[in-house]
């Protein structure tokens, strides 16, 4: 049976854990904010890239895409997490990837060229029969996303040179402020020609028409590379924001449970303390009665 000292130690330890959880909550909230700012800043960058594409597409043909078939290899990029305490963030995404690939009539997962960002999602996928071609650590901040995405782009370029890659898909958890992480899929390559056509037909926003001196094909290739970079950067930033939001919700639930546990421990401590005080008082009364009885008996004998 626990003593008052044992209960006091448990209350102290649990309170310390509660302080750690609160600190982690604050850190997650700060991280979410920085990723939100990064996502917002990408809008202007994308607008500039699309203005450049709108200009160069007037003088260059749209790229031709090979049809996806069994003769071509499908590339897949998956954004997960390295750390835990984020609920079913990785499990839900891994299940979603499997379901989507099956719906795309992909039966042999080992035939995929797979890039995974995140150790936990990688372990989950390997347990499900996937063979990972390249694995990268998740960036710890916005500043680390650039280097991570350049590594991914270099790997994709290697795929295009060495393998018959007809399509590259991205899987990630979308960031939603008020809801849990939402797994999503988008196509990185080939570039959507319908979108490029809409840019070509779009009216230039200014009075002066733009011009360029470098060869159109070279400029188009550079802009497409920047477009792919921005798409991957946005996916990584959104996945990180979603991870932090999932972690924040998990920590909020943990904090609530800890608060309830602390109250239970404090209630048990009060009951135990009252019981101890009552027991001590009863012992004092019993001892007093025994002493008085002994003295009265001695007096009677005299």
C-alpha atoms as a PDB file:
ATOM      1  CA  UNK A   1       0.000   0.000   0.000  1.00  0.00           C
ATOM      2  CA  UNK A   2       1.311   3.444  -0.969  1.00  0.00           C
ATOM      3  CA  UNK A   3       2.460   5.791   1.734  1.00  0.00           C
ATOM      4  CA  UNK A   4       2.140   9.581   1.785  1.00  0.00           C
ATOM      5  CA  UNK A   5       5.766   9.843   0.689  1.00  0.00           C
ATOM      6  CA  UNK A   6       5.123   7.566  -2.308  1.00  0.00           C
ATOM      7  CA  UNK A   7       2.092   9.586  -3.389  1.00  0.00           C
ATOM      8  CA  UNK A   8       4.019  12.842  -2.978  1.00  0.00           C
ATOM      9  CA  UNK A   9       6.826  11.529  -5.203  1.00  0.00           C
ATOM     10  CA  UNK A  10       4.321  10.433  -7.863  1.00  0.00           C
ATOM     11  CA  UNK A  11       2.651  13.852  -7.819  1.00  0.00           C
ATOM     12  CA  UNK A  12       6.035  15.589  -8.171  1.00  0.00           C
ATOM     13  CA  UNK A  13       7.124  13.338 -11.050  1.00  0.00           C
ATOM     14  CA  UNK A  14       3.806  13.680 -12.882  1.00  0.00           C
ATOM     15  CA  UNK A  15       3.875  17.459 -12.474  1.00  0.00           C
ATOM     16  CA  UNK A  16       7.349  17.553 -14.030  1.00  0.00           C
ATOM     17  CA  UNK A  17       6.099  15.497 -16.974  1.00  0.00           C
ATOM     18  CA  UNK A  18       3.216  17.940 -17.307  1.00  0.00           C
ATOM     19  CA  UNK A  19       5.723  20.806 -17.545  1.00  0.00           C
ATOM     20  CA  UNK A  20       7.638  18.981 -20.280  1.00  0.00           C
ATOM     21  CA  UNK A  21       4.428  18.402 -22.250  1.00  0.00           C
ATOM     22  CA  UNK A  22       3.544  22.098 -21.993  1.00  0.00           C
ATOM     23  CA  UNK A  23       6.990  23.058 -23.306  1.00  0.00           C
ATOM     24  CA  UNK A  24       6.627  20.633 -26.217  1.00  0.00           C
ATOM     25  CA  UNK A  25       3.197  22.085 -26.988  1.00  0.00           C
ATOM     26  CA  UNK A  26       4.668  25.567 -27.161  1.00  0.00           C
ATOM     27  CA  UNK A  27       7.471  24.371 -29.440  1.00  0.00           C
ATOM     28  CA  UNK A  28       4.994  22.658 -31.786  1.00  0.00           C
ATOM     29  CA  UNK A  29       2.858  25.808 -31.972  1.00  0.00           C
ATOM     30  CA  UNK A  30       5.934  27.915 -32.836  1.00  0.00           C
ATOM     31  CA  UNK A  31       7.013  25.415 -35.511  1.00  0.00           C
ATOM     32  CA  UNK A  32       3.550  25.400 -37.076  1.00  0.00           C
ATOM     33  CA  UNK A  33       3.718  29.176 -37.388  1.00  0.00           C
ATOM     34  CA  UNK A  34       7.059  29.158 -39.201  1.00  0.00           C
ATOM     35  CA  UNK A  35       5.848  26.560 -41.696  1.00  0.00           C
ATOM     36  CA  UNK A  36       2.651  28.545 -42.270  1.00  0.00           C
ATOM     37  CA  UNK A  37       4.751  31.611 -43.109  1.00  0.00           C
ATOM     38  CA  UNK A  38       6.893  29.536 -45.466  1.00  0.00           C
ATOM     39  CA  UNK A  39       3.793  28.260 -47.286  1.00  0.00           C
ATOM     40  CA  UNK A  40       2.408  31.780 -47.596  1.00  0.00           C
ATOM     41  CA  UNK A  41       5.692  33.110 -49.017  1.00  0.00           C
ATOM     42  CA  UNK A  42       5.649  30.486 -51.781  1.00  0.00           C
ATOM     43  CA  UNK A  43       2.591  32.041 -53.417  1.00  0.00           C
ATOM     44  CA  UNK A  44       4.576  35.003 -54.754  1.00  0.00           C
ATOM     45  CA  UNK A  45       7.365  32.717 -55.977  1.00  0.00           C
ATOM     46  CA  UNK A  46       4.878  30.517 -57.841  1.00  0.00           C
ATOM     47  CA  UNK A  47       3.291  33.596 -59.405  1.00  0.00           C
ATOM     48  CA  UNK A  48       6.672  34.742 -60.752  1.00  0.00           C
ATOM     49  CA  UNK A  49       7.444  31.286 -62.166  1.00  0.00           C
ATOM     50  CA  UNK A  50       4.062  31.095 -63.882  1.00  0.00           C
ATOM     51  CA  UNK A  51       4.575  34.549 -65.398  1.00  0.00           C
ATOM     52  CA  UNK A  52       7.869  33.301 -66.811  1.00  0.00           C
ATOM     53  CA  UNK A  53       6.195  30.173 -68.179  1.00  0.00           C
ATOM     54  CA  UNK A  54       3.423  32.289 -69.640  1.00  0.00           C
ATOM     55  CA  UNK A  55       6.067  34.256 -71.561  1.00  0.00           C
ATOM     56  CA  UNK A  56       8.214  31.394 -72.821  1.00  0.00           C
ATOM     57  CA  UNK A  57       5.262  29.169 -73.785  1.00  0.00           C
ATOM     58  CA  UNK A  58       4.433  31.669 -76.538  1.00  0.00           C
ATOM     59  CA  UNK A  59       7.560  30.487 -78.350  1.00  0.00           C
ATOM     60  CA  UNK A  60       7.977  26.839 -77.358  1.00  0.00           C
ATOM     61  CA  UNK A  61       5.984  23.659 -77.782  1.00  0.00           C
ATOM     62  CA  UNK A  62       4.389  21.781 -74.926  1.00  0.00           C
ATOM     63  CA  UNK A  63       6.322  18.717 -73.711  1.00  0.00           C
ATOM     64  CA  UNK A  64       5.219  15.295 -74.882  1.00  0.00           C
ATOM     65  CA  UNK A  65       4.411  12.738 -72.210  1.00  0.00           C
ATOM     66  CA  UNK A  66       4.747   8.997 -72.448  1.00  0.00           C
ATOM     67  CA  UNK A  67       1.673   7.058 -71.429  1.00  0.00           C
ATOM     68  CA  UNK A  68       2.000   5.200 -68.151  1.00  0.00           C
ATOM     69  CA  UNK A  69       2.130   1.444 -68.797  1.00  0.00           C
ATOM     70  CA  UNK A  70       3.826  -1.712 -67.564  1.00  0.00           C
ATOM     71  CA  UNK A  71       6.865  -0.832 -69.698  1.00  0.00           C
ATOM     72  CA  UNK A  72       7.546   2.255 -67.600  1.00  0.00           C
ATOM     73  CA  UNK A  73       8.565   2.563 -63.971  1.00  0.00           C
ATOM     74  CA  UNK A  74       6.533   4.713 -61.606  1.00  0.00           C
ATOM     75  CA  UNK A  75       8.387   6.965 -59.200  1.00  0.00           C
ATOM     76  CA  UNK A  76       6.928   7.777 -55.795  1.00  0.00           C
ATOM     77  CA  UNK A  77       7.962  10.430 -53.241  1.00  0.00           C
ATOM     78  CA  UNK A  78       6.513  10.119 -49.726  1.00  0.00           C
ATOM     79  CA  UNK A  79       6.798  12.754 -46.991  1.00  0.00           C
ATOM     80  CA  UNK A  80       6.504  11.368 -43.454  1.00  0.00           C
ATOM     81  CA  UNK A  81       8.174  11.997 -40.099  1.00  0.00           C
ATOM     82  CA  UNK A  82      11.284  11.003 -38.144  1.00  0.00           C
ATOM     83  CA  UNK A  83       9.758  11.549 -34.709  1.00  0.00           C
ATOM     84  CA  UNK A  84       6.764  10.160 -32.877  1.00  0.00           C
ATOM     85  CA  UNK A  85       4.162  11.691 -30.578  1.00  0.00           C
ATOM     86  CA  UNK A  86       2.078  12.656 -33.603  1.00  0.00           C
ATOM     87  CA  UNK A  87      -0.748  10.120 -33.424  1.00  0.00           C
ATOM     88  CA  UNK A  88      -1.347   7.950 -36.480  1.00  0.00           C
ATOM     89  CA  UNK A  89       0.370  10.444 -38.777  1.00  0.00           C
ATOM     90  CA  UNK A  90       2.614   7.869 -40.482  1.00  0.00           C
ATOM     91  CA  UNK A  91       0.288   4.872 -40.190  1.00  0.00           C
ATOM     92  CA  UNK A  92      -2.595   6.683 -41.867  1.00  0.00           C
ATOM     93  CA  UNK A  93      -0.351   7.913 -44.701  1.00  0.00           C
ATOM     94  CA  UNK A  94       1.168   4.463 -45.290  1.00  0.00           C
ATOM     95  CA  UNK A  95      -2.303   2.905 -45.532  1.00  0.00           C
ATOM     96  CA  UNK A  96      -3.374   5.668 -47.924  1.00  0.00           C
ATOM     97  CA  UNK A  97      -0.315   5.093 -50.162  1.00  0.00           C
ATOM     98  CA  UNK A  98      -1.091   1.393 -50.413  1.00  0.00           C
ATOM     99  CA  UNK A  99      -4.759   1.995 -51.242  1.00  0.00           C
ATOM    100  CA  UNK A 100      -3.971   4.617 -53.878  1.00  0.00           C
ATOM    101  CA  UNK A 101      -1.336   2.502 -55.601  1.00  0.00           C
ATOM    102  CA  UNK A 102      -3.698  -0.463 -55.698  1.00  0.00           C
ATOM    103  CA  UNK A 103      -6.353   1.800 -57.256  1.00  0.00           C
ATOM    104  CA  UNK A 104      -3.708   2.782 -59.859  1.00  0.00           C
ATOM    105  CA  UNK A 105      -3.371  -0.949 -60.625  1.00  0.00           C
ATOM    106  CA  UNK A 106       0.120  -1.188 -59.121  1.00  0.00           C
ATOM    107  CA  UNK A 107       0.374  -4.771 -57.876  1.00  0.00           C
ATOM    108  CA  UNK A 108       4.130  -5.152 -57.449  1.00  0.00           C
ATOM    109  CA  UNK A 109       5.291  -2.580 -54.895  1.00  0.00           C
ATOM    110  CA  UNK A 110       8.905  -3.729 -55.247  1.00  0.00           C
ATOM    111  CA  UNK A 111       8.941  -2.447 -58.845  1.00  0.00           C
ATOM    112  CA  UNK A 112       8.452   1.154 -57.726  1.00  0.00           C
ATOM    113  CA  UNK A 113      11.262   3.684 -57.468  1.00  0.00           C
ATOM    114  CA  UNK A 114      10.622   5.046 -54.017  1.00  0.00           C
ATOM    115  CA  UNK A 115      11.995   8.126 -52.219  1.00  0.00           C
ATOM    116  CA  UNK A 116      10.964   8.442 -48.578  1.00  0.00           C
ATOM    117  CA  UNK A 117      11.530  11.436 -46.316  1.00  0.00           C
ATOM    118  CA  UNK A 118      11.173  10.253 -42.717  1.00  0.00           C
ATOM    119  CA  UNK A 119      12.506   7.256 -40.792  1.00  0.00           C
ATOM    120  CA  UNK A 120       9.186   6.285 -39.199  1.00  0.00           C
ATOM    121  CA  UNK A 121       7.207   6.239 -42.423  1.00  0.00           C
ATOM    122  CA  UNK A 122      10.090   4.332 -44.056  1.00  0.00           C
ATOM    123  CA  UNK A 123       9.934   1.607 -41.406  1.00  0.00           C
ATOM    124  CA  UNK A 124       6.177   1.378 -41.837  1.00  0.00           C
ATOM    125  CA  UNK A 125       6.468   1.051 -45.635  1.00  0.00           C
ATOM    126  CA  UNK A 126       9.249  -1.541 -45.491  1.00  0.00           C
ATOM    127  CA  UNK A 127       7.107  -3.626 -43.150  1.00  0.00           C
ATOM    128  CA  UNK A 128       4.385  -3.438 -45.810  1.00  0.00           C
ATOM    129  CA  UNK A 129       6.578  -4.857 -48.571  1.00  0.00           C
ATOM    130  CA  UNK A 130       7.906  -1.660 -50.166  1.00  0.00           C
ATOM    131  CA  UNK A 131      11.551  -1.395 -51.241  1.00  0.00           C
ATOM    132  CA  UNK A 132      12.972   2.077 -50.653  1.00  0.00           C
ATOM    133  CA  UNK A 133      15.366   3.422 -53.252  1.00  0.00           C
ATOM    134  CA  UNK A 134      16.419   6.556 -51.342  1.00  0.00           C
ATOM    135  CA  UNK A 135      15.676   7.692 -47.794  1.00  0.00           C
ATOM    136  CA  UNK A 136      16.273  11.165 -46.350  1.00  0.00           C
ATOM    137  CA  UNK A 137      15.913  12.705 -42.912  1.00  0.00           C
ATOM    138  CA  UNK A 138      13.116  15.175 -42.318  1.00  0.00           C
ATOM    139  CA  UNK A 139      14.417  18.789 -42.120  1.00  0.00           C
ATOM    140  CA  UNK A 140      14.330  20.205 -38.619  1.00  0.00           C
ATOM    141  CA  UNK A 141      13.340  23.706 -39.718  1.00  0.00           C
ATOM    142  CA  UNK A 142      12.380  25.809 -42.726  1.00  0.00           C
ATOM    143  CA  UNK A 143      16.058  26.565 -43.371  1.00  0.00           C
ATOM    144  CA  UNK A 144      16.779  22.877 -43.856  1.00  0.00           C
ATOM    145  CA  UNK A 145      14.092  22.287 -46.487  1.00  0.00           C
ATOM    146  CA  UNK A 146      16.158  23.708 -49.380  1.00  0.00           C
ATOM    147  CA  UNK A 147      19.006  21.214 -48.988  1.00  0.00           C
ATOM    148  CA  UNK A 148      16.592  18.320 -48.514  1.00  0.00           C
ATOM    149  CA  UNK A 149      14.574  19.165 -51.637  1.00  0.00           C
ATOM    150  CA  UNK A 150      17.707  19.565 -53.766  1.00  0.00           C
ATOM    151  CA  UNK A 151      18.694  16.032 -52.773  1.00  0.00           C
ATOM    152  CA  UNK A 152      15.266  14.772 -53.788  1.00  0.00           C
ATOM    153  CA  UNK A 153      15.458  16.598 -57.133  1.00  0.00           C
ATOM    154  CA  UNK A 154      18.881  15.124 -57.858  1.00  0.00           C
ATOM    155  CA  UNK A 155      17.503  11.665 -57.144  1.00  0.00           C
ATOM    156  CA  UNK A 156      14.548  12.277 -59.479  1.00  0.00           C
ATOM    157  CA  UNK A 157      16.915  13.472 -62.223  1.00  0.00           C
ATOM    158  CA  UNK A 158      18.886  10.275 -61.736  1.00  0.00           C
ATOM    159  CA  UNK A 159      15.683   8.283 -62.183  1.00  0.00           C
ATOM    160  CA  UNK A 160      14.874  10.069 -65.427  1.00  0.00           C
ATOM    161  CA  UNK A 161      18.330   9.348 -66.823  1.00  0.00           C
ATOM    162  CA  UNK A 162      18.663   5.722 -65.738  1.00  0.00           C
ATOM    163  CA  UNK A 163      15.088   4.403 -65.822  1.00  0.00           C
ATOM    164  CA  UNK A 164      11.986   4.736 -67.936  1.00  0.00           C
ATOM    165  CA  UNK A 165      10.015   6.940 -65.574  1.00  0.00           C
ATOM    166  CA  UNK A 166       6.652   7.983 -67.001  1.00  0.00           C
ATOM    167  CA  UNK A 167       5.156   9.430 -63.813  1.00  0.00           C
ATOM    168  CA  UNK A 168       6.310  10.619 -60.398  1.00  0.00           C
ATOM    169  CA  UNK A 169       3.703  10.821 -57.637  1.00  0.00           C
ATOM    170  CA  UNK A 170       3.842  12.658 -54.315  1.00  0.00           C
ATOM    171  CA  UNK A 171       2.130  11.437 -51.137  1.00  0.00           C
ATOM    172  CA  UNK A 172       1.889  13.577 -48.023  1.00  0.00           C
ATOM    173  CA  UNK A 173      -0.359  14.622 -45.169  1.00  0.00           C
ATOM    174  CA  UNK A 174      -2.048  17.914 -45.988  1.00  0.00           C
ATOM    175  CA  UNK A 175      -2.044  20.613 -43.339  1.00  0.00           C
ATOM    176  CA  UNK A 176      -5.488  21.456 -41.997  1.00  0.00           C
ATOM    177  CA  UNK A 177      -5.782  23.841 -39.053  1.00  0.00           C
ATOM    178  CA  UNK A 178      -9.004  22.534 -37.563  1.00  0.00           C
ATOM    179  CA  UNK A 179      -8.881  18.872 -38.577  1.00  0.00           C
ATOM    180  CA  UNK A 180      -6.499  15.951 -38.303  1.00  0.00           C
ATOM    181  CA  UNK A 181      -3.823  15.194 -40.905  1.00  0.00           C
ATOM    182  CA  UNK A 182      -5.386  14.461 -44.281  1.00  0.00           C
ATOM    183  CA  UNK A 183      -3.413  12.116 -46.606  1.00  0.00           C
ATOM    184  CA  UNK A 184      -3.270  13.377 -50.173  1.00  0.00           C
ATOM    185  CA  UNK A 185      -1.790  12.489 -53.555  1.00  0.00           C
ATOM    186  CA  UNK A 186      -0.582  14.681 -56.388  1.00  0.00           C
ATOM    187  CA  UNK A 187       1.360  14.163 -59.603  1.00  0.00           C
ATOM    188  CA  UNK A 188       4.777  15.812 -59.806  1.00  0.00           C
ATOM    189  CA  UNK A 189       5.670  14.573 -63.282  1.00  0.00           C
ATOM    190  CA  UNK A 190       4.587  14.823 -66.010  1.00  0.00           C
ATOM    191  CA  UNK A 191       3.666  18.501 -65.832  1.00  0.00           C
ATOM    192  CA  UNK A 192      -0.027  19.037 -66.472  1.00  0.00           C
ATOM    193  CA  UNK A 193      -0.231  20.210 -70.095  1.00  0.00           C
ATOM    194  CA  UNK A 194      -3.741  21.568 -69.542  1.00  0.00           C
ATOM    195  CA  UNK A 195      -2.321  23.944 -66.956  1.00  0.00           C
ATOM    196  CA  UNK A 196       0.456  24.972 -69.341  1.00  0.00           C
ATOM    197  CA  UNK A 197      -2.101  25.631 -72.076  1.00  0.00           C
ATOM    198  CA  UNK A 198      -4.098  27.822 -69.735  1.00  0.00           C
ATOM    199  CA  UNK A 199      -0.929  29.801 -68.958  1.00  0.00           C
ATOM    200  CA  UNK A 200      -0.180  30.199 -72.664  1.00  0.00           C
ATOM    201  CA  UNK A 201      -3.671  31.588 -73.322  1.00  0.00           C
ATOM    202  CA  UNK A 202      -3.656  33.827 -70.274  1.00  0.00           C
ATOM    203  CA  UNK A 203      -3.525  37.566 -70.890  1.00  0.00           C
ATOM    204  CA  UNK A 204      -0.374  39.362 -69.748  1.00  0.00           C
ATOM    205  CA  UNK A 205      -1.185  41.511 -66.675  1.00  0.00           C
ATOM    206  CA  UNK A 206       0.930  44.546 -67.663  1.00  0.00           C
ATOM    207  CA  UNK A 207       1.036  46.977 -70.586  1.00  0.00           C
ATOM    208  CA  UNK A 208       4.601  46.181 -71.673  1.00  0.00           C
ATOM    209  CA  UNK A 209       5.017  42.742 -73.203  1.00  0.00           C
ATOM    210  CA  UNK A 210       7.917  40.704 -71.784  1.00  0.00           C
ATOM    211  CA  UNK A 211      10.905  39.469 -73.769  1.00  0.00           C
ATOM    212  CA  UNK A 212      13.902  37.195 -73.147  1.00  0.00           C
ATOM    213  CA  UNK A 213      17.299  36.617 -74.740  1.00  0.00           C
ATOM    214  CA  UNK A 214      18.215  33.076 -73.710  1.00  0.00           C
ATOM    215  CA  UNK A 215      16.980  30.200 -75.899  1.00  0.00           C
ATOM    216  CA  UNK A 216      13.334  29.380 -75.232  1.00  0.00           C
ATOM    217  CA  UNK A 217      14.013  25.682 -74.536  1.00  0.00           C
ATOM    218  CA  UNK A 218      16.718  26.527 -72.023  1.00  0.00           C
ATOM    219  CA  UNK A 219      14.522  29.072 -70.243  1.00  0.00           C
ATOM    220  CA  UNK A 220      11.583  26.676 -70.225  1.00  0.00           C
ATOM    221  CA  UNK A 221      13.748  23.907 -68.726  1.00  0.00           C
ATOM    222  CA  UNK A 222      14.992  26.241 -65.984  1.00  0.00           C
ATOM    223  CA  UNK A 223      11.492  27.433 -65.118  1.00  0.00           C
ATOM    224  CA  UNK A 224      10.154  23.879 -64.991  1.00  0.00           C
ATOM    225  CA  UNK A 225      12.988  22.944 -62.637  1.00  0.00           C
ATOM    226  CA  UNK A 226      12.038  25.846 -60.366  1.00  0.00           C
ATOM    227  CA  UNK A 227       8.381  24.819 -60.607  1.00  0.00           C
ATOM    228  CA  UNK A 228       9.257  21.273 -59.499  1.00  0.00           C
ATOM    229  CA  UNK A 229      11.391  22.664 -56.677  1.00  0.00           C
ATOM    230  CA  UNK A 230       8.543  24.845 -55.419  1.00  0.00           C
ATOM    231  CA  UNK A 231       6.088  21.937 -55.615  1.00  0.00           C
ATOM    232  CA  UNK A 232       8.372  19.711 -53.535  1.00  0.00           C
ATOM    233  CA  UNK A 233       9.200  22.557 -51.129  1.00  0.00           C
ATOM    234  CA  UNK A 234       5.509  23.184 -50.555  1.00  0.00           C
ATOM    235  CA  UNK A 235       4.869  19.466 -50.012  1.00  0.00           C
ATOM    236  CA  UNK A 236       7.662  19.240 -47.434  1.00  0.00           C
ATOM    237  CA  UNK A 237       6.585  22.405 -45.605  1.00  0.00           C
ATOM    238  CA  UNK A 238       2.962  21.297 -45.582  1.00  0.00           C
ATOM    239  CA  UNK A 239       3.911  17.831 -44.316  1.00  0.00           C
ATOM    240  CA  UNK A 240       5.978  19.396 -41.520  1.00  0.00           C
ATOM    241  CA  UNK A 241       3.129  21.724 -40.550  1.00  0.00           C
ATOM    242  CA  UNK A 242       0.731  18.779 -40.563  1.00  0.00           C
ATOM    243  CA  UNK A 243       3.130  16.727 -38.429  1.00  0.00           C
ATOM    244  CA  UNK A 244       3.451  19.520 -35.870  1.00  0.00           C
ATOM    245  CA  UNK A 245      -0.327  20.030 -35.823  1.00  0.00           C
ATOM    246  CA  UNK A 246      -0.838  16.286 -35.207  1.00  0.00           C
ATOM    247  CA  UNK A 247       1.785  16.379 -32.467  1.00  0.00           C
ATOM    248  CA  UNK A 248       0.117  19.418 -30.910  1.00  0.00           C
ATOM    249  CA  UNK A 249      -3.231  17.615 -30.775  1.00  0.00           C
ATOM    250  CA  UNK A 250      -1.582  14.525 -29.256  1.00  0.00           C
ATOM    251  CA  UNK A 251       0.162  16.659 -26.650  1.00  0.00           C
ATOM    252  CA  UNK A 252      -3.077  18.443 -25.816  1.00  0.00           C
ATOM    253  CA  UNK A 253      -4.739  15.088 -25.175  1.00  0.00           C
ATOM    254  CA  UNK A 254      -1.734  13.968 -23.149  1.00  0.00           C
ATOM    255  CA  UNK A 255      -1.820  17.162 -21.096  1.00  0.00           C
ATOM    256  CA  UNK A 256      -5.511  16.662 -20.379  1.00  0.00           C
ATOM    257  CA  UNK A 257      -4.889  13.084 -19.260  1.00  0.00           C
ATOM    258  CA  UNK A 258      -1.962  14.171 -17.085  1.00  0.00           C
ATOM    259  CA  UNK A 259      -4.076  16.889 -15.440  1.00  0.00           C
ATOM    260  CA  UNK A 260      -6.758  14.324 -14.639  1.00  0.00           C
ATOM    261  CA  UNK A 261      -4.127  11.925 -13.286  1.00  0.00           C
ATOM    262  CA  UNK A 262      -2.588  14.654 -11.115  1.00  0.00           C
ATOM    263  CA  UNK A 263      -6.023  15.464  -9.681  1.00  0.00           C
ATOM    264  CA  UNK A 264      -6.578  11.770  -8.953  1.00  0.00           C
ATOM    265  CA  UNK A 265      -3.204  11.555  -7.215  1.00  0.00           C
ATOM    266  CA  UNK A 266      -3.889  14.696  -5.209  1.00  0.00           C
ATOM    267  CA  UNK A 267      -7.294  13.329  -4.213  1.00  0.00           C
ATOM    268  CA  UNK A 268      -5.682  10.058  -3.164  1.00  0.00           C
ATOM    269  CA  UNK A 269      -3.037  12.042  -1.259  1.00  0.00           C
ATOM    270  CA  UNK A 270      -5.699  14.046   0.607  1.00  0.00           C
ATOM    271  CA  UNK A 271      -7.643  10.890   1.485  1.00  0.00           C
ATOM    272  CA  UNK A 272      -4.466   9.118   2.589  1.00  0.00           C
ATOM    273  CA  UNK A 273      -3.354  12.143   4.607  1.00  0.00           C
ATOM    274  CA  UNK A 274      -6.753  12.424   6.306  1.00  0.00           C
ATOM    275  CA  UNK A 275      -6.719   8.693   6.983  1.00  0.00           C
ATOM    276  CA  UNK A 276      -3.218   8.949   8.453  1.00  0.00           C
ATOM    277  CA  UNK A 277      -4.187  11.926  10.640  1.00  0.00           C
ATOM    278  CA  UNK A 278      -7.332  10.111  11.822  1.00  0.00           C
ATOM    279  CA  UNK A 279      -5.329   6.968  12.577  1.00  0.00           C
ATOM    280  CA  UNK A 280      -2.753   8.989  14.525  1.00  0.00           C
ATOM    281  CA  UNK A 281      -5.484  10.769  16.492  1.00  0.00           C
ATOM    282  CA  UNK A 282      -7.151   7.457  17.305  1.00  0.00           C
ATOM    283  CA  UNK A 283      -3.791   6.099  18.449  1.00  0.00           C
ATOM    284  CA  UNK A 284      -3.349   9.158  20.670  1.00  0.00           C
ATOM    285  CA  UNK A 285      -6.828   8.763  22.127  1.00  0.00           C
ATOM    286  CA  UNK A 286      -6.315   5.056  22.684  1.00  0.00           C
ATOM    287  CA  UNK A 287      -2.944   5.727  24.301  1.00  0.00           C
ATOM    288  CA  UNK A 288      -4.418   8.448  26.481  1.00  0.00           C
ATOM    289  CA  UNK A 289      -7.266   6.176  27.553  1.00  0.00           C
ATOM    290  CA  UNK A 290      -4.824   3.375  28.334  1.00  0.00           C
ATOM    291  CA  UNK A 291      -2.653   5.722  30.377  1.00  0.00           C
ATOM    292  CA  UNK A 292      -5.619   7.118  32.336  1.00  0.00           C
ATOM    293  CA  UNK A 293      -6.957   3.611  32.934  1.00  0.00           C
ATOM    294  CA  UNK A 294      -3.545   2.474  34.151  1.00  0.00           C
ATOM    295  CA  UNK A 295      -3.231   5.457  36.496  1.00  0.00           C
ATOM    296  CA  UNK A 296      -6.774   4.932  37.865  1.00  0.00           C
ATOM    297  CA  UNK A 297      -6.042   1.272  38.434  1.00  0.00           C
ATOM    298  CA  UNK A 298      -2.866   2.171  40.292  1.00  0.00           C
ATOM    299  CA  UNK A 299      -4.767   4.642  42.470  1.00  0.00           C
ATOM    300  CA  UNK A 300      -7.440   2.037  43.266  1.00  0.00           C
ATOM    301  CA  UNK A 301      -4.795  -0.462  44.298  1.00  0.00           C
ATOM    302  CA  UNK A 302      -3.312   2.043  46.721  1.00  0.00           C
END
